[in-house]
Amino acid sequence: MTAPPSVPPALLEFQTTLRVPEGDESPVVLFRSFDDYINGGAPEVARVVEGMPIRESGGWRLGADVHVPFGEPPFPTVVHLHGGAWVMGAPSTHRRLSAELASRGLLVVSVDYRRAPKHRFPGAVDDVAAALDWARTHAAELGGDPDRLIVSGDSAGANLAAAALATGAGADVRAALLFYGIYDYHRALPTLSGLLGGEDAASQLYLPPEEFELLRGDPRCAPERQVQGFPPTLLSVGELDPLRPESESMAARLAVAGVPHELHVAAGVPHAFLQLPSLPAHDEGFDVAAAFLRRHGLL
């Protein structure tokens, strides 16, 4: 098997700093230009069902891409929320990430939730709740086991996954896989402001400006404020990630609440290392997640 190329320098710089490159290149263009690197060479899965319809609401057709693993069903079912600072990304931009999880024996439902600024908060939060409801009812049709329901997310998606748990939408979720997430939107906004238009109420793109202050500390934006009742939770983050303090803060909150959890800090890597396949921490991160689920009887 041919080893993947080294991380493109521009992509590595972005993931290490989370600063938008100078000039006309946007993060969307940057990621698109490196799609072959980020998503190429994905492990094979039994099948991928693209655009599985979940519901239609407010003119938005909520769907998901479902990655079905090889093996004998039923499979533990993961509802995954992709990253992208709530404003970009899609199941297609994270298709290798989904395939990597599926290759560990998981049925992965990668949700195409609503994104800002066209659809501001709480659209994405509501979509996650709908996706979890759909998985409970329909995952078995694709070989999933609704009694082994897991929620996962990376970056902004980890915020949405944690928000579902904090608000009770994931009451029967058996475990959470939270990869380099944001657990207090207002606190993290200065780090993310280059992706979100700014760090004040008027310029940031996710929350309705008129509700910006009212939502400070709301568990849908700051899920670390309401962690009682969380299932066993894996927090995974890169040592060099500018958002590493978010995972450390969430781990401290889980500890105080007595929630079984693990904090995996991947040495020497930046944000979104699970989309940098040439780094040793990439494979290690997925293996850590699979081992965590095995320890909790879900794999």
C-alpha atoms as a PDB file:
ATOM      1  CA  MET A   1       0.000   0.000   0.000  1.00  0.00           C
ATOM      2  CA  THR A   2       1.398   3.401  -1.000  1.00  0.00           C
ATOM      3  CA  ALA A   3       1.989   5.778   1.898  1.00  0.00           C
ATOM      4  CA  PRO A   4       0.013   9.030   1.687  1.00  0.00           C
ATOM      5  CA  PRO A   5       1.949  12.185   0.832  1.00  0.00           C
ATOM      6  CA  SER A   6       3.063  14.524   3.576  1.00  0.00           C
ATOM      7  CA  VAL A   7       0.620  17.145   4.806  1.00  0.00           C
ATOM      8  CA  PRO A   8       0.455  20.062   2.338  1.00  0.00           C
ATOM      9  CA  PRO A   9       2.201  22.997   4.067  1.00  0.00           C
ATOM     10  CA  ALA A  10      -0.681  25.443   3.536  1.00  0.00           C
ATOM     11  CA  LEU A  11      -3.143  22.997   5.036  1.00  0.00           C
ATOM     12  CA  LEU A  12      -0.868  22.243   7.980  1.00  0.00           C
ATOM     13  CA  GLU A  13      -0.404  25.958   8.633  1.00  0.00           C
ATOM     14  CA  PHE A  14      -4.140  26.533   8.633  1.00  0.00           C
ATOM     15  CA  GLN A  15      -4.899  23.637  10.975  1.00  0.00           C
ATOM     16  CA  THR A  16      -2.147  24.760  13.339  1.00  0.00           C
ATOM     17  CA  THR A  17      -3.255  28.402  13.538  1.00  0.00           C
ATOM     18  CA  LEU A  18      -6.928  28.403  12.409  1.00  0.00           C
ATOM     19  CA  ARG A  19      -6.115  31.669  10.663  1.00  0.00           C
ATOM     20  CA  VAL A  20      -7.566  32.263   7.222  1.00  0.00           C
ATOM     21  CA  PRO A  21      -4.792  32.400   4.607  1.00  0.00           C
ATOM     22  CA  GLU A  22      -3.935  35.831   3.281  1.00  0.00           C
ATOM     23  CA  GLY A  23      -5.162  36.805  -0.157  1.00  0.00           C
ATOM     24  CA  ASP A  24      -8.249  35.612  -1.943  1.00  0.00           C
ATOM     25  CA  GLU A  25      -8.106  31.991  -0.841  1.00  0.00           C
ATOM     26  CA  SER A  26     -10.939  31.115   1.555  1.00  0.00           C
ATOM     27  CA  PRO A  27     -10.950  28.055   3.812  1.00  0.00           C
ATOM     28  CA  VAL A  28     -13.575  26.482   1.540  1.00  0.00           C
ATOM     29  CA  VAL A  29     -11.266  26.844  -1.456  1.00  0.00           C
ATOM     30  CA  LEU A  30      -8.325  25.612   0.603  1.00  0.00           C
ATOM     31  CA  PHE A  31     -10.065  22.434   1.666  1.00  0.00           C
ATOM     32  CA  ARG A  32     -11.432  21.816  -1.810  1.00  0.00           C
ATOM     33  CA  SER A  33      -7.951  22.099  -3.287  1.00  0.00           C
ATOM     34  CA  PHE A  34      -6.651  19.443  -0.884  1.00  0.00           C
ATOM     35  CA  ASP A  35      -9.610  17.082  -1.134  1.00  0.00           C
ATOM     36  CA  ASP A  36      -7.497  14.338  -2.737  1.00  0.00           C
ATOM     37  CA  TYR A  37      -5.157  14.447   0.246  1.00  0.00           C
ATOM     38  CA  ILE A  38      -7.853  14.706   2.934  1.00  0.00           C
ATOM     39  CA  ASN A  39     -10.249  12.138   1.485  1.00  0.00           C
ATOM     40  CA  GLY A  40      -8.155  10.026  -0.857  1.00  0.00           C
ATOM     41  CA  GLY A  41      -7.215   6.472   0.008  1.00  0.00           C
ATOM     42  CA  ALA A  42     -10.160   5.903   2.316  1.00  0.00           C
ATOM     43  CA  PRO A  43     -10.659   2.360   3.578  1.00  0.00           C
ATOM     44  CA  GLU A  44     -13.275   0.329   1.777  1.00  0.00           C
ATOM     45  CA  VAL A  45     -16.669  -0.155   3.349  1.00  0.00           C
ATOM     46  CA  ALA A  46     -19.515  -2.464   2.408  1.00  0.00           C
ATOM     47  CA  ARG A  47     -21.548   0.374   0.906  1.00  0.00           C
ATOM     48  CA  VAL A  48     -22.297   4.070   1.119  1.00  0.00           C
ATOM     49  CA  VAL A  49     -25.841   5.392   0.891  1.00  0.00           C
ATOM     50  CA  GLU A  50     -25.618   9.058  -0.086  1.00  0.00           C
ATOM     51  CA  GLY A  51     -28.334  11.576   0.678  1.00  0.00           C
ATOM     52  CA  MET A  52     -30.497   9.376   2.848  1.00  0.00           C
ATOM     53  CA  PRO A  53     -33.564  11.560   3.571  1.00  0.00           C
ATOM     54  CA  ILE A  54     -34.277  12.293   7.220  1.00  0.00           C
ATOM     55  CA  ARG A  55     -36.843  15.091   7.183  1.00  0.00           C
ATOM     56  CA  GLU A  56     -37.833  18.300   5.419  1.00  0.00           C
ATOM     57  CA  SER A  57     -38.266  21.457   7.472  1.00  0.00           C
ATOM     58  CA  GLY A  58     -38.401  25.122   6.552  1.00  0.00           C
ATOM     59  CA  GLY A  59     -37.358  24.474   2.973  1.00  0.00           C
ATOM     60  CA  TRP A  60     -34.325  22.425   4.071  1.00  0.00           C
ATOM     61  CA  ARG A  61     -34.155  18.745   3.248  1.00  0.00           C
ATOM     62  CA  LEU A  62     -32.175  17.150   6.023  1.00  0.00           C
ATOM     63  CA  GLY A  63     -30.229  14.144   4.852  1.00  0.00           C
ATOM     64  CA  ALA A  64     -27.236  12.016   5.694  1.00  0.00           C
ATOM     65  CA  ASP A  65     -24.625   9.809   4.076  1.00  0.00           C
ATOM     66  CA  VAL A  66     -24.596   6.359   5.649  1.00  0.00           C
ATOM     67  CA  HIS A  67     -21.401   4.277   5.651  1.00  0.00           C
ATOM     68  CA  VAL A  68     -22.111   0.592   6.218  1.00  0.00           C
ATOM     69  CA  PRO A  69     -19.228  -1.576   7.451  1.00  0.00           C
ATOM     70  CA  PHE A  70     -18.300  -5.064   6.354  1.00  0.00           C
ATOM     71  CA  GLY A  71     -19.382  -7.797   8.691  1.00  0.00           C
ATOM     72  CA  GLU A  72     -22.497  -9.236  10.182  1.00  0.00           C
ATOM     73  CA  PRO A  73     -25.137  -6.774  11.422  1.00  0.00           C
ATOM     74  CA  PRO A  74     -26.368  -5.323  13.650  1.00  0.00           C
ATOM     75  CA  PHE A  75     -23.624  -2.737  14.019  1.00  0.00           C
ATOM     76  CA  PRO A  76     -23.187  -0.026  16.653  1.00  0.00           C
ATOM     77  CA  THR A  77     -24.687   3.122  15.151  1.00  0.00           C
ATOM     78  CA  VAL A  78     -22.799   6.416  15.134  1.00  0.00           C
ATOM     79  CA  VAL A  79     -24.557   9.681  14.331  1.00  0.00           C
ATOM     80  CA  HIS A  80     -21.664  11.893  13.237  1.00  0.00           C
ATOM     81  CA  LEU A  81     -21.630  15.696  12.927  1.00  0.00           C
ATOM     82  CA  HIS A  82     -18.926  17.105  10.665  1.00  0.00           C
ATOM     83  CA  GLY A  83     -16.797  20.135  11.442  1.00  0.00           C
ATOM     84  CA  GLY A  84     -16.529  23.418   9.579  1.00  0.00           C
ATOM     85  CA  ALA A  85     -17.127  26.214  12.099  1.00  0.00           C
ATOM     86  CA  TRP A  86     -20.905  25.848  11.637  1.00  0.00           C
ATOM     87  CA  VAL A  87     -20.568  27.614   8.256  1.00  0.00           C
ATOM     88  CA  MET A  88     -18.940  25.078   5.922  1.00  0.00           C
ATOM     89  CA  GLY A  89     -18.290  21.389   5.487  1.00  0.00           C
ATOM     90  CA  ALA A  90     -20.593  18.540   4.529  1.00  0.00           C
ATOM     91  CA  PRO A  91     -20.635  14.757   4.730  1.00  0.00           C
ATOM     92  CA  SER A  92     -18.673  14.742   1.458  1.00  0.00           C
ATOM     93  CA  THR A  93     -15.811  16.793   2.936  1.00  0.00           C
ATOM     94  CA  HIS A  94     -15.525  14.267   5.770  1.00  0.00           C
ATOM     95  CA  ARG A  95     -16.124  11.090   3.807  1.00  0.00           C
ATOM     96  CA  ARG A  96     -12.784   9.518   4.692  1.00  0.00           C
ATOM     97  CA  LEU A  97     -13.381  10.250   8.373  1.00  0.00           C
ATOM     98  CA  SER A  98     -16.716   8.419   8.123  1.00  0.00           C
ATOM     99  CA  ALA A  99     -15.102   5.514   6.262  1.00  0.00           C
ATOM    100  CA  GLU A 100     -12.383   5.232   8.903  1.00  0.00           C
ATOM    101  CA  LEU A 101     -15.010   4.936  11.640  1.00  0.00           C
ATOM    102  CA  ALA A 102     -16.984   2.425   9.560  1.00  0.00           C
ATOM    103  CA  SER A 103     -13.853   0.350   8.962  1.00  0.00           C
ATOM    104  CA  ARG A 104     -13.738  -0.161  12.747  1.00  0.00           C
ATOM    105  CA  GLY A 105     -17.141  -1.875  12.610  1.00  0.00           C
ATOM    106  CA  LEU A 106     -19.496   1.079  13.045  1.00  0.00           C
ATOM    107  CA  LEU A 107     -22.517   2.075  10.986  1.00  0.00           C
ATOM    108  CA  VAL A 108     -21.917   5.797  10.455  1.00  0.00           C
ATOM    109  CA  VAL A 109     -24.725   8.280   9.770  1.00  0.00           C
ATOM    110  CA  SER A 110     -22.978  11.497   8.676  1.00  0.00           C
ATOM    111  CA  VAL A 111     -25.521  14.291   8.928  1.00  0.00           C
ATOM    112  CA  ASP A 112     -25.858  17.146   6.433  1.00  0.00           C
ATOM    113  CA  TYR A 113     -27.157  19.630   8.987  1.00  0.00           C
ATOM    114  CA  ARG A 114     -28.051  23.254   8.245  1.00  0.00           C
ATOM    115  CA  ARG A 115     -25.184  25.721   8.165  1.00  0.00           C
ATOM    116  CA  ALA A 116     -24.865  29.407   8.902  1.00  0.00           C
ATOM    117  CA  PRO A 117     -25.138  32.160   7.917  1.00  0.00           C
ATOM    118  CA  LYS A 118     -28.071  31.119   5.735  1.00  0.00           C
ATOM    119  CA  HIS A 119     -29.425  28.968   8.553  1.00  0.00           C
ATOM    120  CA  ARG A 120     -28.382  30.382  11.891  1.00  0.00           C
ATOM    121  CA  PHE A 121     -28.699  28.811  15.305  1.00  0.00           C
ATOM    122  CA  PRO A 122     -30.666  26.796  16.358  1.00  0.00           C
ATOM    123  CA  GLY A 123     -31.170  25.170  12.941  1.00  0.00           C
ATOM    124  CA  ALA A 124     -28.183  22.828  13.244  1.00  0.00           C
ATOM    125  CA  VAL A 125     -29.031  21.935  16.843  1.00  0.00           C
ATOM    126  CA  ASP A 126     -32.567  20.991  15.832  1.00  0.00           C
ATOM    127  CA  ASP A 127     -31.242  18.927  12.914  1.00  0.00           C
ATOM    128  CA  VAL A 128     -29.048  16.866  15.232  1.00  0.00           C
ATOM    129  CA  ALA A 129     -32.045  16.013  17.400  1.00  0.00           C
ATOM    130  CA  ALA A 130     -33.960  14.962  14.283  1.00  0.00           C
ATOM    131  CA  ALA A 131     -31.051  12.825  13.084  1.00  0.00           C
ATOM    132  CA  LEU A 132     -30.859  11.016  16.412  1.00  0.00           C
ATOM    133  CA  ASP A 133     -34.597  10.349  16.271  1.00  0.00           C
ATOM    134  CA  TRP A 134     -34.204   9.008  12.733  1.00  0.00           C
ATOM    135  CA  ALA A 135     -31.360   6.710  13.780  1.00  0.00           C
ATOM    136  CA  ARG A 136     -33.433   5.275  16.615  1.00  0.00           C
ATOM    137  CA  THR A 137     -36.243   4.409  14.193  1.00  0.00           C
ATOM    138  CA  HIS A 138     -34.477   3.616  10.918  1.00  0.00           C
ATOM    139  CA  ALA A 139     -30.864   2.593  11.541  1.00  0.00           C
ATOM    140  CA  ALA A 140     -31.895  -1.064  11.823  1.00  0.00           C
ATOM    141  CA  GLU A 141     -33.068  -0.948   8.198  1.00  0.00           C
ATOM    142  CA  LEU A 142     -29.431  -0.458   7.181  1.00  0.00           C
ATOM    143  CA  GLY A 143     -27.957  -2.904   9.661  1.00  0.00           C
ATOM    144  CA  GLY A 144     -27.553  -0.572  12.622  1.00  0.00           C
ATOM    145  CA  ASP A 145     -28.279  -1.367  16.246  1.00  0.00           C
ATOM    146  CA  PRO A 146     -30.367   1.433  17.812  1.00  0.00           C
ATOM    147  CA  ASP A 147     -29.614  -0.021  21.259  1.00  0.00           C
ATOM    148  CA  ARG A 148     -25.950   0.848  20.715  1.00  0.00           C
ATOM    149  CA  LEU A 149     -26.409   4.452  19.647  1.00  0.00           C
ATOM    150  CA  ILE A 150     -23.317   6.673  19.711  1.00  0.00           C
ATOM    151  CA  VAL A 151     -22.974  10.349  18.898  1.00  0.00           C
ATOM    152  CA  SER A 152     -19.760  11.781  17.527  1.00  0.00           C
ATOM    153  CA  GLY A 153     -18.545  15.033  16.055  1.00  0.00           C
ATOM    154  CA  ASP A 154     -15.409  16.860  15.070  1.00  0.00           C
ATOM    155  CA  SER A 155     -14.713  20.540  15.809  1.00  0.00           C
ATOM    156  CA  ALA A 156     -18.023  22.434  15.460  1.00  0.00           C
ATOM    157  CA  GLY A 157     -19.672  19.049  15.027  1.00  0.00           C
ATOM    158  CA  ALA A 158     -18.423  18.033  18.459  1.00  0.00           C
ATOM    159  CA  ASN A 159     -20.137  21.126  19.832  1.00  0.00           C
ATOM    160  CA  LEU A 160     -23.387  20.007  18.212  1.00  0.00           C
ATOM    161  CA  ALA A 161     -22.977  16.445  19.476  1.00  0.00           C
ATOM    162  CA  ALA A 162     -22.357  17.672  23.013  1.00  0.00           C
ATOM    163  CA  ALA A 163     -25.275  20.095  22.748  1.00  0.00           C
ATOM    164  CA  ALA A 164     -27.588  17.193  21.943  1.00  0.00           C
ATOM    165  CA  LEU A 165     -26.445  15.464  25.120  1.00  0.00           C
ATOM    166  CA  ALA A 166     -26.677  18.627  27.208  1.00  0.00           C
ATOM    167  CA  THR A 167     -30.256  19.286  26.147  1.00  0.00           C
ATOM    168  CA  GLY A 168     -31.563  15.740  26.497  1.00  0.00           C
ATOM    169  CA  ALA A 169     -31.900  14.994  22.781  1.00  0.00           C
ATOM    170  CA  GLY A 170     -29.374  12.202  23.259  1.00  0.00           C
ATOM    171  CA  ALA A 171     -30.870  10.737  26.408  1.00  0.00           C
ATOM    172  CA  ASP A 172     -30.406   7.123  25.254  1.00  0.00           C
ATOM    173  CA  VAL A 173     -27.000   7.621  23.617  1.00  0.00           C
ATOM    174  CA  ARG A 174     -24.549   5.061  24.986  1.00  0.00           C
ATOM    175  CA  ALA A 175     -21.276   6.916  24.305  1.00  0.00           C
ATOM    176  CA  ALA A 176     -19.883  10.106  22.822  1.00  0.00           C
ATOM    177  CA  LEU A 177     -16.802  10.566  20.642  1.00  0.00           C
ATOM    178  CA  LEU A 178     -15.902  14.249  20.712  1.00  0.00           C
ATOM    179  CA  PHE A 179     -12.970  15.173  18.487  1.00  0.00           C
ATOM    180  CA  TYR A 180     -11.254  18.557  19.039  1.00  0.00           C
ATOM    181  CA  GLY A 181     -14.503  20.318  19.851  1.00  0.00           C
ATOM    182  CA  ILE A 182     -15.763  23.685  21.037  1.00  0.00           C
ATOM    183  CA  TYR A 183     -17.668  23.539  24.313  1.00  0.00           C
ATOM    184  CA  ASP A 184     -18.320  27.233  24.964  1.00  0.00           C
ATOM    185  CA  TYR A 185     -19.019  29.177  21.778  1.00  0.00           C
ATOM    186  CA  HIS A 186     -18.495  32.639  23.236  1.00  0.00           C
ATOM    187  CA  ARG A 187     -15.225  31.678  24.914  1.00  0.00           C
ATOM    188  CA  ALA A 188     -13.821  30.086  21.748  1.00  0.00           C
ATOM    189  CA  LEU A 189     -15.007  32.790  19.362  1.00  0.00           C
ATOM    190  CA  PRO A 190     -11.778  34.856  19.437  1.00  0.00           C
ATOM    191  CA  THR A 191      -9.876  31.789  18.224  1.00  0.00           C
ATOM    192  CA  LEU A 192     -12.452  31.084  15.526  1.00  0.00           C
ATOM    193  CA  SER A 193     -13.260  34.655  14.522  1.00  0.00           C
ATOM    194  CA  GLY A 194     -11.379  34.443  11.235  1.00  0.00           C
ATOM    195  CA  LEU A 195     -13.703  31.651  10.134  1.00  0.00           C
ATOM    196  CA  LEU A 196     -16.842  33.179  11.597  1.00  0.00           C
ATOM    197  CA  GLY A 197     -16.577  36.733  10.308  1.00  0.00           C
ATOM    198  CA  GLY A 198     -15.640  38.359  13.625  1.00  0.00           C
ATOM    199  CA  GLU A 199     -15.942  38.012  17.368  1.00  0.00           C
ATOM    200  CA  ASP A 200     -18.756  40.404  18.239  1.00  0.00           C
ATOM    201  CA  ALA A 201     -22.502  39.963  18.002  1.00  0.00           C
ATOM    202  CA  ALA A 202     -22.879  41.783  14.695  1.00  0.00           C
ATOM    203  CA  SER A 203     -20.006  40.198  12.781  1.00  0.00           C
ATOM    204  CA  GLN A 204     -20.066  36.542  13.910  1.00  0.00           C
ATOM    205  CA  LEU A 205     -22.091  34.331  11.599  1.00  0.00           C
ATOM    206  CA  TYR A 206     -23.563  31.545  13.727  1.00  0.00           C
ATOM    207  CA  LEU A 207     -25.816  33.041  16.386  1.00  0.00           C
ATOM    208  CA  PRO A 208     -28.584  35.544  15.614  1.00  0.00           C
ATOM    209  CA  PRO A 209     -26.983  38.889  16.543  1.00  0.00           C
ATOM    210  CA  GLU A 210     -29.961  39.962  18.638  1.00  0.00           C
ATOM    211  CA  GLU A 211     -29.635  36.787  20.737  1.00  0.00           C
ATOM    212  CA  PHE A 212     -25.849  36.772  21.076  1.00  0.00           C
ATOM    213  CA  GLU A 213     -25.751  37.889  24.716  1.00  0.00           C
ATOM    214  CA  LEU A 214     -28.911  36.035  25.714  1.00  0.00           C
ATOM    215  CA  LEU A 215     -27.314  32.770  24.562  1.00  0.00           C
ATOM    216  CA  ARG A 216     -24.111  33.216  26.545  1.00  0.00           C
ATOM    217  CA  GLY A 217     -23.832  30.079  28.672  1.00  0.00           C
ATOM    218  CA  ASP A 218     -26.851  28.397  27.065  1.00  0.00           C
ATOM    219  CA  PRO A 219     -26.090  24.631  26.976  1.00  0.00           C
ATOM    220  CA  ARG A 220     -26.923  24.553  23.264  1.00  0.00           C
ATOM    221  CA  CYS A 221     -23.903  26.835  22.729  1.00  0.00           C
ATOM    222  CA  ALA A 222     -21.871  25.970  25.822  1.00  0.00           C
ATOM    223  CA  PRO A 223     -22.681  22.296  26.439  1.00  0.00           C
ATOM    224  CA  GLU A 224     -19.968  21.984  29.089  1.00  0.00           C
ATOM    225  CA  ARG A 225     -22.375  23.894  31.369  1.00  0.00           C
ATOM    226  CA  GLN A 226     -24.752  20.901  31.508  1.00  0.00           C
ATOM    227  CA  VAL A 227     -22.856  17.603  31.513  1.00  0.00           C
ATOM    228  CA  GLN A 228     -24.771  15.715  34.189  1.00  0.00           C
ATOM    229  CA  GLY A 229     -26.141  12.609  32.539  1.00  0.00           C
ATOM    230  CA  PHE A 230     -23.573  12.472  29.731  1.00  0.00           C
ATOM    231  CA  PRO A 231     -22.715   8.921  28.672  1.00  0.00           C
ATOM    232  CA  PRO A 232     -19.106   7.699  28.703  1.00  0.00           C
ATOM    233  CA  THR A 233     -17.262  10.314  26.662  1.00  0.00           C
ATOM    234  CA  LEU A 234     -13.996  10.311  24.738  1.00  0.00           C
ATOM    235  CA  LEU A 235     -12.387  13.697  24.180  1.00  0.00           C
ATOM    236  CA  SER A 236      -9.643  13.686  21.576  1.00  0.00           C
ATOM    237  CA  VAL A 237      -7.527  16.722  20.659  1.00  0.00           C
ATOM    238  CA  GLY A 238      -4.145  17.559  19.174  1.00  0.00           C
ATOM    239  CA  GLU A 239      -1.365  18.835  21.407  1.00  0.00           C
ATOM    240  CA  LEU A 240      -0.823  21.830  19.087  1.00  0.00           C
ATOM    241  CA  ASP A 241      -4.506  22.620  18.510  1.00  0.00           C
ATOM    242  CA  PRO A 242      -5.380  26.258  19.355  1.00  0.00           C
ATOM    243  CA  LEU A 243      -8.676  24.866  20.661  1.00  0.00           C
ATOM    244  CA  ARG A 244      -7.042  22.331  22.980  1.00  0.00           C
ATOM    245  CA  PRO A 245      -8.171  24.303  26.084  1.00  0.00           C
ATOM    246  CA  GLU A 246     -11.777  23.620  25.072  1.00  0.00           C
ATOM    247  CA  SER A 247     -11.301  19.856  25.424  1.00  0.00           C
ATOM    248  CA  GLU A 248      -9.377  20.284  28.663  1.00  0.00           C
ATOM    249  CA  SER A 249     -12.151  22.433  30.091  1.00  0.00           C
ATOM    250  CA  MET A 250     -14.798  19.903  29.078  1.00  0.00           C
ATOM    251  CA  ALA A 251     -12.763  17.095  30.648  1.00  0.00           C
ATOM    252  CA  ALA A 252     -12.632  19.027  33.921  1.00  0.00           C
ATOM    253  CA  ARG A 253     -16.400  19.532  33.863  1.00  0.00           C
ATOM    254  CA  LEU A 254     -16.993  15.827  33.207  1.00  0.00           C
ATOM    255  CA  ALA A 255     -14.684  14.935  36.077  1.00  0.00           C
ATOM    256  CA  VAL A 256     -16.582  17.138  38.514  1.00  0.00           C
ATOM    257  CA  ALA A 257     -19.870  15.599  37.359  1.00  0.00           C
ATOM    258  CA  GLY A 258     -18.520  12.072  37.775  1.00  0.00           C
ATOM    259  CA  VAL A 259     -19.001  11.187  34.097  1.00  0.00           C
ATOM    260  CA  PRO A 260     -16.754   8.358  32.842  1.00  0.00           C
ATOM    261  CA  HIS A 261     -14.460   9.965  30.310  1.00  0.00           C
ATOM    262  CA  GLU A 262     -11.032   9.924  28.740  1.00  0.00           C
ATOM    263  CA  LEU A 263      -8.953  12.796  27.361  1.00  0.00           C
ATOM    264  CA  HIS A 264      -6.666  11.748  24.528  1.00  0.00           C
ATOM    265  CA  VAL A 265      -4.086  14.400  23.605  1.00  0.00           C
ATOM    266  CA  ALA A 266      -2.357  13.421  20.359  1.00  0.00           C
ATOM    267  CA  ALA A 267       1.291  14.440  20.539  1.00  0.00           C
ATOM    268  CA  GLY A 268       2.647  17.059  18.179  1.00  0.00           C
ATOM    269  CA  VAL A 269      -0.395  17.498  15.934  1.00  0.00           C
ATOM    270  CA  PRO A 270      -2.782  20.381  15.174  1.00  0.00           C
ATOM    271  CA  HIS A 271      -6.522  20.797  14.883  1.00  0.00           C
ATOM    272  CA  ALA A 272      -8.437  18.295  12.724  1.00  0.00           C
ATOM    273  CA  PHE A 273      -5.635  15.708  12.749  1.00  0.00           C
ATOM    274  CA  LEU A 274      -8.184  13.003  11.886  1.00  0.00           C
ATOM    275  CA  GLN A 275      -8.280  14.577   8.415  1.00  0.00           C
ATOM    276  CA  LEU A 276      -4.497  14.549   7.978  1.00  0.00           C
ATOM    277  CA  PRO A 277      -3.963  10.910   6.988  1.00  0.00           C
ATOM    278  CA  SER A 278      -0.174  11.023   6.636  1.00  0.00           C
ATOM    279  CA  LEU A 279       0.286  11.766  10.348  1.00  0.00           C
ATOM    280  CA  PRO A 280       0.738   8.728  12.638  1.00  0.00           C
ATOM    281  CA  ALA A 281      -1.743  10.355  15.038  1.00  0.00           C
ATOM    282  CA  HIS A 282      -4.454   9.958  12.365  1.00  0.00           C
ATOM    283  CA  ASP A 283      -4.665   6.169  12.572  1.00  0.00           C
ATOM    284  CA  GLU A 284      -3.919   6.267  16.296  1.00  0.00           C
ATOM    285  CA  GLY A 285      -6.884   8.578  16.873  1.00  0.00           C
ATOM    286  CA  PHE A 286      -9.348   6.209  15.233  1.00  0.00           C
ATOM    287  CA  ASP A 287      -7.857   3.227  17.040  1.00  0.00           C
ATOM    288  CA  VAL A 288      -8.174   5.076  20.369  1.00  0.00           C
ATOM    289  CA  ALA A 289     -11.861   5.700  19.614  1.00  0.00           C
ATOM    290  CA  ALA A 290     -12.493   2.042  18.739  1.00  0.00           C
ATOM    291  CA  ALA A 291     -10.686   0.870  21.889  1.00  0.00           C
ATOM    292  CA  PHE A 292     -12.765   3.276  23.994  1.00  0.00           C
ATOM    293  CA  LEU A 293     -15.981   1.812  22.586  1.00  0.00           C
ATOM    294  CA  ARG A 294     -14.753  -1.737  23.207  1.00  0.00           C
ATOM    295  CA  ARG A 295     -13.976  -0.888  26.831  1.00  0.00           C
ATOM    296  CA  HIS A 296     -17.574   0.254  27.224  1.00  0.00           C
ATOM    297  CA  GLY A 297     -19.040  -2.859  25.589  1.00  0.00           C
ATOM    298  CA  LEU A 298     -20.185  -1.159  22.401  1.00  0.00           C
ATOM    299  CA  LEU A 299     -17.899  -2.862  19.862  1.00  0.00           C
END
